[in-house]
PDB file of N, CA and C in Angstrom:
ATOM      1  N   MET A   1       8.614 -12.048  -2.241  1.00  0.00           N
ATOM      2  CA  MET A   1       7.364 -11.415  -2.139  1.00  0.00           C
ATOM      3  C   MET A   1       7.080 -11.360  -0.640  1.00  0.00           C
ATOM      4  N   ILE A   2       6.600 -10.148  -0.326  1.00  0.00           N
ATOM      5  CA  ILE A   2       6.234  -9.871   1.156  1.00  0.00           C
ATOM      6  C   ILE A   2       4.843 -10.142   1.366  1.00  0.00           C
ATOM      7  N   ASP A   3       4.495 -10.845   2.430  1.00  0.00           N
ATOM      8  CA  ASP A   3       3.157 -11.157   2.731  1.00  0.00           C
ATOM      9  C   ASP A   3       2.309  -9.903   2.803  1.00  0.00           C
ATOM     10  N   LYS A   4       1.077 -10.014   2.274  1.00  0.00           N
ATOM     11  CA  LYS A   4       0.083  -8.687   2.136  1.00  0.00           C
ATOM     12  C   LYS A   4      -0.125  -8.240   3.573  1.00  0.00           C
ATOM     13  N   LYS A   5      -0.303  -9.109   4.587  1.00  0.00           N
ATOM     14  CA  LYS A   5      -0.602  -8.594   5.951  1.00  0.00           C
ATOM     15  C   LYS A   5       0.380  -7.787   6.506  1.00  0.00           C
ATOM     16  N   LEU A   6       1.727  -8.181   6.298  1.00  0.00           N
ATOM     17  CA  LEU A   6       2.902  -7.536   6.689  1.00  0.00           C
ATOM     18  C   LEU A   6       2.960  -6.227   5.994  1.00  0.00           C
ATOM     19  N   LEU A   7       2.794  -6.295   4.751  1.00  0.00           N
ATOM     20  CA  LEU A   7       2.978  -5.029   3.863  1.00  0.00           C
ATOM     21  C   LEU A   7       1.975  -3.951   4.297  1.00  0.00           C
ATOM     22  N   ASP A   8       0.790  -4.394   4.729  1.00  0.00           N
ATOM     23  CA  ASP A   8      -0.304  -3.404   5.168  1.00  0.00           C
ATOM     24  C   ASP A   8       0.066  -2.693   6.456  1.00  0.00           C
ATOM     25  N   ILE A   9       0.955  -3.289   7.215  1.00  0.00           N
ATOM     26  CA  ILE A   9       1.320  -2.469   8.451  1.00  0.00           C
ATOM     27  C   ILE A   9       2.687  -1.919   8.392  1.00  0.00           C
ATOM     28  N   LEU A  10       3.530  -2.111   7.489  1.00  0.00           N
ATOM     29  CA  LEU A  10       4.878  -1.474   7.354  1.00  0.00           C
ATOM     30  C   LEU A  10       4.755  -0.113   6.942  1.00  0.00           C
ATOM     31  N   VAL A  11       5.526   0.686   7.550  1.00  0.00           N
ATOM     32  CA  VAL A  11       5.610   2.171   7.219  1.00  0.00           C
ATOM     33  C   VAL A  11       7.108   2.541   7.037  1.00  0.00           C
ATOM     34  N   CYS A  12       7.403   3.583   6.467  1.00  0.00           N
ATOM     35  CA  CYS A  12       8.737   4.148   6.279  1.00  0.00           C
ATOM     36  C   CYS A  12       9.214   4.506   7.723  1.00  0.00           C
ATOM     37  N   PRO A  13      10.306   4.155   8.276  1.00  0.00           N
ATOM     38  CA  PRO A  13      10.645   4.479   9.649  1.00  0.00           C
ATOM     39  C   PRO A  13      11.038   6.023   9.626  1.00  0.00           C
ATOM     40  N   LYS A  14      11.325   6.666   8.579  1.00  0.00           N
ATOM     41  CA  LYS A  14      11.676   8.055   8.595  1.00  0.00           C
ATOM     42  C   LYS A  14      10.466   8.971   8.619  1.00  0.00           C
ATOM     43  N   CYS A  15       9.493   8.747   7.792  1.00  0.00           N
ATOM     44  CA  CYS A  15       8.291   9.690   7.638  1.00  0.00           C
ATOM     45  C   CYS A  15       7.022   9.099   8.090  1.00  0.00           C
ATOM     46  N   LYS A  16       7.051   7.743   8.267  1.00  0.00           N
ATOM     47  CA  LYS A  16       5.829   7.049   8.870  1.00  0.00           C
ATOM     48  C   LYS A  16       4.747   6.943   7.763  1.00  0.00           C
ATOM     49  N   THR A  17       5.090   6.896   6.418  1.00  0.00           N
ATOM     50  CA  THR A  17       4.259   6.820   5.339  1.00  0.00           C
ATOM     51  C   THR A  17       4.279   5.324   4.896  1.00  0.00           C
ATOM     52  N   ALA A  18       3.137   4.852   4.319  1.00  0.00           N
ATOM     53  CA  ALA A  18       3.068   3.527   3.898  1.00  0.00           C
ATOM     54  C   ALA A  18       4.133   3.187   2.757  1.00  0.00           C
ATOM     55  N   VAL A  19       4.571   1.914   2.557  1.00  0.00           N
ATOM     56  CA  VAL A  19       5.482   1.562   1.620  1.00  0.00           C
ATOM     57  C   VAL A  19       4.741   0.586   0.643  1.00  0.00           C
ATOM     58  N   LYS A  20       5.411   0.458  -0.531  1.00  0.00           N
ATOM     59  CA  LYS A  20       4.949  -0.614  -1.465  1.00  0.00           C
ATOM     60  C   LYS A  20       6.054  -1.408  -2.003  1.00  0.00           C
ATOM     61  N   GLU A  21       5.808  -2.591  -2.373  1.00  0.00           N
ATOM     62  CA  GLU A  21       6.804  -3.399  -2.814  1.00  0.00           C
ATOM     63  C   GLU A  21       7.127  -3.140  -4.384  1.00  0.00           C
ATOM     64  N   ALA A  22       8.376  -3.002  -4.752  1.00  0.00           N
ATOM     65  CA  ALA A  22       8.743  -2.762  -6.214  1.00  0.00           C
ATOM     66  C   ALA A  22      10.028  -3.478  -6.350  1.00  0.00           C
ATOM     67  N   GLY A  23       9.717  -4.653  -6.883  1.00  0.00           N
ATOM     68  CA  GLY A  23      10.966  -5.574  -7.111  1.00  0.00           C
ATOM     69  C   GLY A  23      11.614  -6.100  -5.794  1.00  0.00           C
ATOM     70  N   ASP A  24      12.908  -5.838  -5.624  1.00  0.00           N
ATOM     71  CA  ASP A  24      13.615  -6.243  -4.380  1.00  0.00           C
ATOM     72  C   ASP A  24      13.762  -5.045  -3.400  1.00  0.00           C
ATOM     73  N   ARG A  25      12.780  -4.187  -3.336  1.00  0.00           N
ATOM     74  CA  ARG A  25      12.727  -3.049  -2.444  1.00  0.00           C
ATOM     75  C   ARG A  25      11.331  -2.742  -1.958  1.00  0.00           C
ATOM     76  N   LEU A  26      11.276  -2.073  -0.837  1.00  0.00           N
ATOM     77  CA  LEU A  26      10.086  -1.418  -0.354  1.00  0.00           C
ATOM     78  C   LEU A  26      10.299   0.077  -0.528  1.00  0.00           C
ATOM     79  N   VAL A  27       9.285   0.647  -1.172  1.00  0.00           N
ATOM     80  CA  VAL A  27       9.540   2.180  -1.606  1.00  0.00           C
ATOM     81  C   VAL A  27       8.461   2.998  -0.884  1.00  0.00           C
ATOM     82  N   CYS A  28       8.950   4.017  -0.203  1.00  0.00           N
ATOM     83  CA  CYS A  28       8.114   4.965   0.616  1.00  0.00           C
ATOM     84  C   CYS A  28       7.266   5.643  -0.331  1.00  0.00           C
ATOM     85  N   GLN A  29       5.966   5.775  -0.043  1.00  0.00           N
ATOM     86  CA  GLN A  29       4.989   6.396  -0.920  1.00  0.00           C
ATOM     87  C   GLN A  29       4.902   7.951  -0.838  1.00  0.00           C
ATOM     88  N   ASN A  30       5.633   8.413   0.160  1.00  0.00           N
ATOM     89  CA  ASN A  30       5.700   9.960   0.365  1.00  0.00           C
ATOM     90  C   ASN A  30       6.742  10.460  -0.686  1.00  0.00           C
ATOM     91  N   THR A  31       6.310  11.253  -1.678  1.00  0.00           N
ATOM     92  CA  THR A  31       7.130  11.689  -2.748  1.00  0.00           C
ATOM     93  C   THR A  31       8.289  12.663  -2.165  1.00  0.00           C
ATOM     94  N   ALA A  32       8.160  13.283  -0.994  1.00  0.00           N
ATOM     95  CA  ALA A  32       9.105  14.107  -0.505  1.00  0.00           C
ATOM     96  C   ALA A  32      10.209  13.290   0.168  1.00  0.00           C
ATOM     97  N   CYS A  33       9.817  12.009   0.510  1.00  0.00           N
ATOM     98  CA  CYS A  33      10.808  11.127   1.237  1.00  0.00           C
ATOM     99  C   CYS A  33      11.397  10.095   0.157  1.00  0.00           C
ATOM    100  N   GLY A  34      10.501   9.326  -0.258  1.00  0.00           N
ATOM    101  CA  GLY A  34      10.835   8.204  -1.408  1.00  0.00           C
ATOM    102  C   GLY A  34      11.979   7.293  -1.038  1.00  0.00           C
ATOM    103  N   LEU A  35      12.256   7.085   0.140  1.00  0.00           N
ATOM    104  CA  LEU A  35      13.382   6.196   0.497  1.00  0.00           C
ATOM    105  C   LEU A  35      13.032   4.704   0.052  1.00  0.00           C
ATOM    106  N   ARG A  36      14.110   3.971  -0.434  1.00  0.00           N
ATOM    107  CA  ARG A  36      13.850   2.534  -0.872  1.00  0.00           C
ATOM    108  C   ARG A  36      14.604   1.598  -0.014  1.00  0.00           C
ATOM    109  N   TYR A  37      13.945   0.701   0.650  1.00  0.00           N
ATOM    110  CA  TYR A  37      14.431  -0.184   1.559  1.00  0.00           C
ATOM    111  C   TYR A  37      14.663  -1.559   0.987  1.00  0.00           C
ATOM    112  N   PRO A  38      15.780  -2.196   1.163  1.00  0.00           N
ATOM    113  CA  PRO A  38      16.093  -3.545   0.514  1.00  0.00           C
ATOM    114  C   PRO A  38      15.376  -4.544   1.152  1.00  0.00           C
ATOM    115  N   ILE A  39      15.046  -5.618   0.382  1.00  0.00           N
ATOM    116  CA  ILE A  39      14.511  -6.861   0.967  1.00  0.00           C
ATOM    117  C   ILE A  39      15.637  -7.917   0.726  1.00  0.00           C
ATOM    118  N   ARG A  40      16.005  -8.473   1.796  1.00  0.00           N
ATOM    119  CA  ARG A  40      17.115  -9.491   1.733  1.00  0.00           C
ATOM    120  C   ARG A  40      16.597 -10.834   2.317  1.00  0.00           C
ATOM    121  N   ASP A  41      16.669 -11.814   1.376  1.00  0.00           N
ATOM    122  CA  ASP A  41      16.256 -13.242   1.782  1.00  0.00           C
ATOM    123  C   ASP A  41      14.825 -13.129   2.178  1.00  0.00           C
ATOM    124  N   GLY A  42      13.972 -12.344   1.603  1.00  0.00           N
ATOM    125  CA  GLY A  42      12.590 -12.322   1.884  1.00  0.00           C
ATOM    126  C   GLY A  42      12.228 -11.387   3.084  1.00  0.00           C
ATOM    127  N   ILE A  43      13.298 -10.806   3.717  1.00  0.00           N
ATOM    128  CA  ILE A  43      13.055  -9.998   4.970  1.00  0.00           C
ATOM    129  C   ILE A  43      13.319  -8.509   4.712  1.00  0.00           C
ATOM    130  N   PRO A  44      12.257  -7.622   4.880  1.00  0.00           N
ATOM    131  CA  PRO A  44      12.613  -6.191   4.653  1.00  0.00           C
ATOM    132  C   PRO A  44      13.522  -5.645   5.642  1.00  0.00           C
ATOM    133  N   VAL A  45      14.449  -4.951   5.148  1.00  0.00           N
ATOM    134  CA  VAL A  45      15.450  -4.278   6.086  1.00  0.00           C
ATOM    135  C   VAL A  45      15.034  -2.783   6.227  1.00  0.00           C
ATOM    136  N   MET A  46      14.239  -2.530   7.257  1.00  0.00           N
ATOM    137  CA  MET A  46      13.596  -1.235   7.506  1.00  0.00           C
ATOM    138  C   MET A  46      14.550  -0.303   8.416  1.00  0.00           C
ATOM    139  N   LEU A  47      15.731  -0.043   7.896  1.00  0.00           N
ATOM    140  CA  LEU A  47      16.759   0.809   8.616  1.00  0.00           C
ATOM    141  C   LEU A  47      17.008   1.902   7.722  1.00  0.00           C
ATOM    142  N   ILE A  48      16.940   3.027   8.352  1.00  0.00           N
ATOM    143  CA  ILE A  48      17.151   4.262   7.521  1.00  0.00           C
ATOM    144  C   ILE A  48      18.549   4.259   6.905  1.00  0.00           C
ATOM    145  N   GLU A  49      19.518   3.806   7.669  1.00  0.00           N
ATOM    146  CA  GLU A  49      20.929   3.721   7.281  1.00  0.00           C
ATOM    147  C   GLU A  49      21.129   2.916   6.066  1.00  0.00           C
ATOM    148  N   GLN A  50      20.256   1.884   5.925  1.00  0.00           N
ATOM    149  CA  GLN A  50      20.385   0.886   4.792  1.00  0.00           C
ATOM    150  C   GLN A  50      19.511   1.319   3.590  1.00  0.00           C
ATOM    151  N   ALA A  51      18.784   2.330   3.731  1.00  0.00           N
ATOM    152  CA  ALA A  51      17.854   2.776   2.630  1.00  0.00           C
ATOM    153  C   ALA A  51      18.648   3.550   1.578  1.00  0.00           C
ATOM    154  N   GLU A  52      18.104   3.498   0.349  1.00  0.00           N
ATOM    155  CA  GLU A  52      18.592   4.248  -0.741  1.00  0.00           C
ATOM    156  C   GLU A  52      17.793   5.497  -0.992  1.00  0.00           C
ATOM    157  N   LYS A  53      18.334   6.610  -1.206  1.00  0.00           N
ATOM    158  CA  LYS A  53      17.599   7.803  -1.527  1.00  0.00           C
ATOM    159  C   LYS A  53      17.018   7.856  -3.030  1.00  0.00           C
ATOM    160  N   PRO A  54      16.031   8.552  -3.257  1.00  0.00           N
ATOM    161  CA  PRO A  54      15.462   8.628  -4.633  1.00  0.00           C
ATOM    162  C   PRO A  54      16.618   9.092  -5.596  1.00  0.00           C
ATOM    163  N   GLY A  55      16.872   8.418  -6.782  1.00  0.00           N
ATOM    164  CA  GLY A  55      17.852   8.806  -7.671  1.00  0.00           C
ATOM    165  C   GLY A  55      19.099   8.219  -7.570  1.00  0.00           C
ATOM    166  N   GLU A  56      19.389   7.551  -6.340  1.00  0.00           N
ATOM    167  CA  GLU A  56      20.576   6.803  -6.179  1.00  0.00           C
ATOM    168  C   GLU A  56      20.558   5.530  -6.841  1.00  0.00           C
ATOM    169  N   PRO A  57      21.668   5.023  -7.387  1.00  0.00           N
ATOM    170  CA  PRO A  57      21.739   3.755  -7.893  1.00  0.00           C
ATOM    171  C   PRO A  57      21.469   2.629  -6.838  1.00  0.00           C
ATOM    172  N   ALA A  58      20.884   1.638  -7.288  1.00  0.00           N
ATOM    173  CA  ALA A  58      20.543   0.513  -6.375  1.00  0.00           C
ATOM    174  C   ALA A  58      21.897  -0.150  -5.789  1.00  0.00           C
ATOM    175  N   ASN A  59      21.967  -0.358  -4.548  1.00  0.00           N
ATOM    176  CA  ASN A  59      23.150  -1.063  -4.023  1.00  0.00           C
ATOM    177  C   ASN A  59      22.779  -2.511  -3.883  1.00  0.00           C
ATOM    178  N   LYS A  60      23.613  -3.483  -4.311  1.00  0.00           N
ATOM    179  CA  LYS A  60      23.370  -4.853  -4.261  1.00  0.00           C
ATOM    180  C   LYS A  60      24.227  -5.584  -3.225  1.00  0.00           C
TER     181      LYS A  60
END
């Protein structure tokens, strides 16, 4: 689980929209973007290259 203070300041690096935690991912709230960023060992990986596009199966 990501600390609330950190989650409040994190944004999608591609579109600069807020993200929300959804399981082991942070999901961009912009429906046109919708990238999902993995959380590994409690650390969000906010790299566009590591993000999953909406509709793609989750990479583990």
